[in-house]
Protein backbone atom coordinates (compact mmCIF):
# COMPACT_ATOMS: atom_id res chain seq x y z
CA MET A 1 -7.91 0.72 -12.43
CA GLY A 2 -7.38 -2.98 -13.00
CA LEU A 3 -4.18 -4.21 -14.63
CA GLY A 4 -3.80 -7.20 -16.92
CA VAL A 5 -1.90 -8.40 -19.97
CA LEU A 6 -2.66 -8.89 -23.63
CA THR A 7 -0.54 -11.39 -25.51
CA PHE A 8 -0.28 -13.96 -28.28
CA VAL A 9 -0.15 -17.49 -26.86
CA THR A 10 1.65 -19.72 -29.37
CA ASP A 11 3.29 -23.13 -29.57
CA GLU A 12 6.66 -21.44 -29.00
CA GLY A 13 5.93 -19.59 -25.75
CA ILE A 14 4.59 -20.19 -22.28
CA GLY A 15 1.44 -22.30 -22.22
CA PRO A 16 -1.90 -20.75 -21.27
CA ALA A 17 -2.32 -22.71 -18.05
CA ASP A 18 1.13 -21.74 -16.75
CA LEU A 19 0.54 -18.15 -17.82
CA GLY A 20 -2.87 -17.89 -16.18
CA ARG A 21 -1.57 -19.36 -12.93
CA ALA A 22 1.45 -17.03 -12.93
CA LEU A 23 -0.70 -13.94 -13.51
CA GLU A 24 -3.11 -14.77 -10.71
CA GLN A 25 -0.28 -15.55 -8.28
CA ARG A 26 1.26 -12.12 -8.99
CA GLY A 27 -1.96 -10.21 -8.50
CA PHE A 28 -2.73 -9.35 -12.13
CA GLU A 29 -6.44 -9.12 -12.83
CA SER A 30 -6.79 -10.32 -16.40
CA LEU A 31 -5.48 -12.24 -19.38
CA PHE A 32 -6.58 -11.19 -22.87
CA LEU A 33 -5.52 -13.18 -25.94
CA ALA A 34 -5.16 -12.05 -29.54
CA GLU A 35 -6.54 -14.05 -32.45
CA HIS A 36 -5.51 -14.83 -36.00
CA THR A 37 -6.49 -18.10 -37.63
CA HIS A 38 -3.66 -17.87 -40.18
CA ILE A 39 -1.63 -15.43 -42.25
CA PRO A 40 -1.92 -15.81 -46.03
CA ALA A 41 1.39 -16.33 -47.83
CA GLY A 42 2.58 -13.89 -50.47
CA ASP A 43 1.64 -10.25 -50.84
CA VAL A 44 -0.94 -9.18 -48.26
CA THR A 45 -2.28 -6.03 -46.64
CA PRO A 46 0.70 -4.24 -45.04
CA TYR A 47 1.30 -4.92 -41.35
CA PRO A 48 0.11 -1.77 -39.51
CA ALA A 49 3.28 -1.60 -37.40
CA GLY A 50 5.51 -1.85 -40.48
CA GLY A 51 7.81 -4.62 -41.65
CA PRO A 52 6.87 -8.29 -42.07
CA ILE A 53 4.02 -9.80 -40.09
CA PRO A 54 5.61 -11.52 -37.05
CA PRO A 55 5.39 -15.33 -36.76
CA LYS A 56 3.28 -15.05 -33.58
CA TYR A 57 0.39 -13.94 -35.80
CA TYR A 58 0.20 -17.30 -37.55
CA ARG A 59 1.27 -19.47 -34.58
CA THR A 60 -1.48 -18.38 -32.18
CA LEU A 61 -3.49 -21.00 -30.36
CA ASP A 62 -7.25 -20.72 -30.66
CA PRO A 63 -8.12 -18.15 -27.97
CA PHE A 64 -11.18 -19.98 -26.64
CA VAL A 65 -9.23 -23.21 -26.18
CA ALA A 66 -6.31 -21.36 -24.56
CA LEU A 67 -8.54 -19.31 -22.26
CA THR A 68 -10.36 -22.45 -21.17
CA ALA A 69 -7.00 -23.95 -20.14
CA ALA A 70 -6.27 -20.81 -18.12
CA ALA A 71 -9.76 -20.84 -16.58
CA ALA A 72 -9.27 -24.39 -15.33
CA VAL A 73 -6.28 -23.46 -13.12
CA THR A 74 -7.42 -20.03 -11.85
CA GLU A 75 -10.22 -18.75 -9.64
CA ARG A 76 -10.25 -14.95 -9.99
CA LEU A 77 -8.46 -14.11 -13.23
CA VAL A 78 -10.63 -12.31 -15.80
CA LEU A 79 -10.31 -13.92 -19.24
CA GLY A 80 -10.88 -12.09 -22.49
CA THR A 81 -10.46 -12.09 -26.24
CA GLY A 82 -8.41 -9.23 -27.52
CA ILE A 83 -9.94 -9.47 -30.05
CA ALA A 84 -12.11 -12.23 -31.54
CA LEU A 85 -12.40 -11.72 -35.29
CA VAL A 86 -16.15 -11.98 -35.72
CA PRO A 87 -16.29 -11.94 -39.57
CA GLN A 88 -14.12 -15.06 -39.57
CA ARG A 89 -16.34 -17.14 -37.25
CA ASP A 90 -19.70 -18.83 -37.66
CA PRO A 91 -22.10 -17.00 -35.32
CA ILE A 92 -23.92 -20.10 -34.02
CA HIS A 93 -20.63 -21.79 -33.21
CA LEU A 94 -19.13 -18.62 -31.73
CA ALA A 95 -22.19 -18.05 -29.53
CA LYS A 96 -21.72 -21.53 -28.07
CA GLU A 97 -17.97 -20.98 -27.52
CA VAL A 98 -18.59 -17.74 -25.66
CA ALA A 99 -21.36 -19.21 -23.50
CA SER A 100 -19.31 -22.35 -22.77
CA LEU A 101 -16.25 -20.38 -21.67
CA ASP A 102 -18.40 -18.07 -19.55
CA LEU A 103 -19.93 -21.12 -17.86
CA LEU A 104 -16.62 -22.94 -17.32
CA SER A 105 -14.97 -19.79 -15.93
CA GLN A 106 -18.02 -19.06 -13.72
CA GLY A 107 -18.65 -15.66 -15.29
CA ARG A 108 -15.10 -14.41 -15.73
CA PHE A 109 -15.16 -13.95 -19.51
CA ARG A 110 -14.99 -10.61 -21.36
CA PHE A 111 -15.84 -10.71 -25.06
CA GLY A 112 -13.51 -8.45 -27.02
CA VAL A 113 -14.60 -8.31 -30.66
CA GLY A 114 -13.52 -6.69 -33.90
CA VAL A 115 -13.90 -6.75 -37.66
CA GLY A 116 -10.24 -7.44 -38.50
CA TRP A 117 -7.66 -5.60 -40.58
CA LEU A 118 -6.07 -8.32 -42.73
CA ARG A 119 -8.30 -8.40 -45.77
CA GLU A 120 -6.80 -11.56 -47.28
CA GLU A 121 -7.28 -13.49 -44.04
CA ILE A 122 -10.94 -12.45 -43.95
CA ALA A 123 -11.44 -13.40 -47.60
CA ASN A 124 -10.09 -16.90 -46.94
CA HIS A 125 -13.06 -17.40 -44.60
CA GLY A 126 -15.47 -16.73 -47.45
CA VAL A 127 -16.29 -13.16 -46.43
CA ASP A 128 -15.89 -10.15 -48.70
CA PRO A 129 -13.62 -7.86 -46.63
CA ARG A 130 -15.40 -4.81 -48.06
CA VAL A 131 -18.53 -5.70 -46.04
CA ARG A 132 -16.85 -7.18 -42.96
CA GLY A 133 -18.34 -4.52 -40.69
CA ARG A 134 -21.88 -5.33 -41.79
CA VAL A 135 -21.17 -9.04 -41.47
CA ALA A 136 -19.88 -8.55 -37.92
CA ASP A 137 -22.94 -6.47 -36.99
CA GLU A 138 -25.35 -9.17 -38.13
CA ARG A 139 -23.39 -12.00 -36.53
CA LEU A 140 -23.27 -10.21 -33.19
CA ASP A 141 -26.99 -9.43 -33.36
CA ALA A 142 -27.69 -13.10 -34.10
CA MET A 143 -25.52 -14.18 -31.18
CA VAL A 144 -27.43 -11.91 -28.82
CA GLN A 145 -30.62 -13.68 -29.92
CA ILE A 146 -29.05 -17.09 -29.22
CA TRP A 147 -27.85 -16.04 -25.76
CA THR A 148 -31.06 -14.39 -24.64
CA ARG A 149 -33.91 -16.45 -26.15
CA GLU A 150 -35.08 -20.00 -25.60
CA GLU A 151 -35.91 -20.24 -29.30
CA ALA A 152 -33.63 -18.00 -31.30
CA GLU A 153 -33.98 -17.09 -34.94
CA PHE A 154 -32.40 -14.53 -37.22
CA HIS A 155 -33.03 -13.44 -40.77
CA GLY A 156 -30.59 -11.01 -42.31
CA GLU A 157 -28.46 -10.42 -45.37
CA PHE A 158 -25.48 -12.44 -44.13
CA VAL A 159 -26.96 -14.56 -41.31
CA ASN A 160 -30.14 -16.56 -41.69
CA PHE A 161 -31.58 -19.32 -39.54
CA ASP A 162 -35.02 -20.45 -38.44
CA PRO A 163 -35.79 -21.06 -34.73
CA ILE A 164 -33.09 -23.05 -32.94
CA TYR A 165 -32.31 -24.28 -29.43
CA SER A 166 -28.77 -23.64 -28.23
CA TRP A 167 -27.38 -24.11 -24.74
CA PRO A 168 -25.58 -23.35 -22.51
CA LYS A 169 -26.69 -19.80 -21.96
CA PRO A 170 -24.06 -17.43 -20.52
CA VAL A 171 -23.67 -17.19 -16.76
CA GLN A 172 -23.45 -13.38 -17.00
CA LYS A 173 -26.74 -11.75 -17.91
CA PRO A 174 -27.85 -10.93 -20.45
CA TYR A 175 -24.46 -12.05 -21.85
CA PRO A 176 -20.75 -11.47 -21.15
CA PRO A 177 -19.60 -7.85 -21.37
CA MET A 178 -18.77 -7.00 -24.97
CA TYR A 179 -15.93 -4.67 -25.95
CA PHE A 180 -15.30 -3.46 -29.48
CA GLY A 181 -11.72 -3.09 -30.65
CA GLY A 182 -10.66 -0.44 -33.11
CA GLY A 183 -10.73 3.33 -33.33
CA PRO A 184 -13.51 5.93 -33.53
CA ALA A 185 -15.16 4.06 -36.40
CA ALA A 186 -16.30 1.53 -33.80
CA PHE A 187 -18.04 4.12 -31.60
CA PRO A 188 -21.48 3.91 -33.29
CA ARG A 189 -21.41 0.11 -32.86
CA ILE A 190 -20.50 0.55 -29.20
CA ALA A 191 -23.45 2.90 -28.72
CA ARG A 192 -25.89 0.64 -30.59
CA LEU A 193 -25.06 -2.48 -28.58
CA HIS A 194 -24.38 -0.69 -25.27
CA ALA A 195 -20.92 -2.22 -25.35
CA GLY A 196 -17.52 -1.09 -24.12
CA TRP A 197 -14.40 -0.04 -25.99
CA LEU A 198 -11.16 -2.01 -26.14
CA SER A 199 -8.79 0.75 -27.18
CA MET A 200 -5.50 0.13 -28.96
CA THR A 201 -4.52 3.81 -28.71
CA PRO A 202 -0.72 4.04 -28.23
CA SER A 203 -0.59 6.37 -25.21
CA ALA A 204 -2.71 8.10 -22.58
CA LYS A 205 -2.06 11.46 -24.25
CA VAL A 206 -3.57 10.25 -27.53
CA LEU A 207 -6.35 8.41 -25.73
CA ALA A 208 -7.74 11.44 -23.86
CA PRO A 209 -9.42 13.25 -26.82
CA GLN A 210 -10.72 9.94 -28.21
CA LEU A 211 -12.40 9.22 -24.88
CA GLU A 212 -14.21 12.54 -25.11
CA GLN A 213 -15.41 11.63 -28.59
CA LEU A 214 -16.50 8.16 -27.43
CA ARG A 215 -18.50 9.56 -24.52
CA ASP A 216 -20.20 12.07 -26.82
CA VAL A 217 -21.37 9.17 -29.01
CA ALA A 218 -21.98 6.37 -26.50
CA GLY A 219 -22.61 8.15 -23.20
CA PRO A 220 -20.52 9.13 -20.18
CA ASP A 221 -20.56 5.69 -18.53
CA VAL A 222 -19.26 3.56 -21.41
CA PRO A 223 -16.68 1.10 -19.99
CA VAL A 224 -13.18 1.27 -21.44
CA ILE A 225 -10.33 -1.22 -21.50
CA SER A 226 -7.14 0.31 -22.87
CA PHE A 227 -4.15 -1.53 -24.29
CA HIS A 228 -0.71 0.00 -23.76
CA GLY A 229 1.90 -1.28 -26.20
CA GLY A 230 5.60 -1.21 -25.45
CA ALA A 231 7.47 -1.11 -22.15
CA PRO A 232 4.99 -0.52 -19.31
CA THR A 233 6.94 1.85 -17.09
CA ALA A 234 5.20 3.38 -14.09
CA GLN A 235 5.54 6.84 -15.62
CA GLN A 236 3.77 5.76 -18.82
CA LEU A 237 1.02 3.89 -16.99
CA GLN A 238 0.35 6.72 -14.56
CA GLY A 239 -1.27 8.80 -17.29
CA TYR A 240 -4.16 6.35 -17.64
CA LEU A 241 -5.29 6.75 -14.04
CA ALA A 242 -6.77 10.21 -14.55
CA LEU A 243 -8.75 9.17 -17.64
CA GLY A 244 -11.30 6.98 -15.91
CA VAL A 245 -10.17 3.86 -17.75
CA GLU A 246 -11.79 0.79 -16.23
CA HIS A 247 -8.94 -1.57 -17.02
CA LEU A 248 -5.45 -1.37 -18.51
CA LEU A 249 -3.74 -4.11 -20.49
CA VAL A 250 0.02 -4.14 -20.97
CA GLU A 251 1.75 -5.89 -23.83
CA LEU A 252 3.32 -9.21 -22.89
CA PRO A 253 5.80 -10.50 -25.50
CA THR A 254 5.52 -14.12 -26.56
CA GLU A 255 8.43 -15.85 -24.85
CA PRO A 256 9.24 -19.19 -23.18
CA ARG A 257 8.12 -19.83 -19.62
CA ASP A 258 11.16 -18.66 -17.65
CA GLU A 259 11.54 -15.44 -19.63
CA THR A 260 7.83 -14.73 -19.27
CA LEU A 261 7.88 -15.19 -15.51
CA ARG A 262 10.82 -12.80 -15.17
CA ARG A 263 9.00 -10.24 -17.31
CA LEU A 264 5.84 -10.55 -15.20
CA ASP A 265 7.91 -9.89 -12.08
CA GLU A 266 9.27 -6.74 -13.75
CA PHE A 267 5.73 -5.63 -14.65
CA ARG A 268 4.60 -6.17 -11.08
CA THR A 269 7.49 -4.04 -9.79
CA GLU A 270 6.57 -1.18 -12.11
CA SER A 271 2.85 -1.38 -11.34
CA ALA A 272 3.57 -1.18 -7.61
CA LYS A 273 4.91 2.34 -8.20
CA LEU A 274 1.52 3.65 -9.39
CA THR A 275 -0.13 6.08 -7.00
C-alpha cells in the first residue's frame, strides 16, 4: 500500500516545489492537491464538516500549476488532483492541462475528478448545479475523445465541438488513470469509464462495506485510493492494509514550511510502524 498526502497548497503555506521535494526525500509516494477556484461570499451551501468554510478553500493555488512546480523538482513522486472540479472547467482546456502535466511529469499524473459540493461556486462558473453530474459526464467523455483521437469531436447537450486537433497527447495510454471522488453515487460512473475510486470515507471500518458495494458495481479489480482525515496514527492506518486499498492519502494541514517539514517527519515515524 502506497502512502502519500492530500493537502491544500495556498499562498500562506509551504510552496509546492518545497513540499514535493520534501515528500520525495522522506519516501512518500504521492502528492494530491485539492481544488476550489473561489468561495462565494454570503450565505452558501453549508460546509460538510460544520462551521465556516476555512480560508484554505479560497486561497488554494491552481492545482495544475502547483503540481507542475512539484513535478519540476522531483523524479518519482506521483502527482494527483484530489479532486479537480470538472463542472467548473472547460473540457478542451482541461484536457490540455492534464496532458501537459502528464508529459512534463513523464507519466506521473493521476487524475482525481469530481462534480463538486458547493452549489454556489458551481453556479458562478455558468453551470446549473442541479445538472453538474451530467455536465461532468459529458466533459469527461469529450476529454477522452481529445486524448485518444487525432481528430476529436463531440456533440452533446452540454459539450459541442466539431473536429479539432489538440496536442500534446498524454504519456500514459490511453490517458492518465482517472479516479472519481465521492461516495457510492459515483460507483456507476466508475464502472462506465473503467476508472478508480478516490474515497473520502472517514475510517477503514466505514470503508470496508463500501468497498464491497463498489466491487459489486465496478468489478473486483477496481483501483482504490483512500483518504484518511485527521491524525494518521499507525493504529488507524493499519486498518487499511487488509482492505486491498491501492494507495492511502493522509491529511496534511496547510502550514508554513518549517511546521510542514516537522509534521512530515512525524508522519514518516508513524508510517514506519505499519506491519
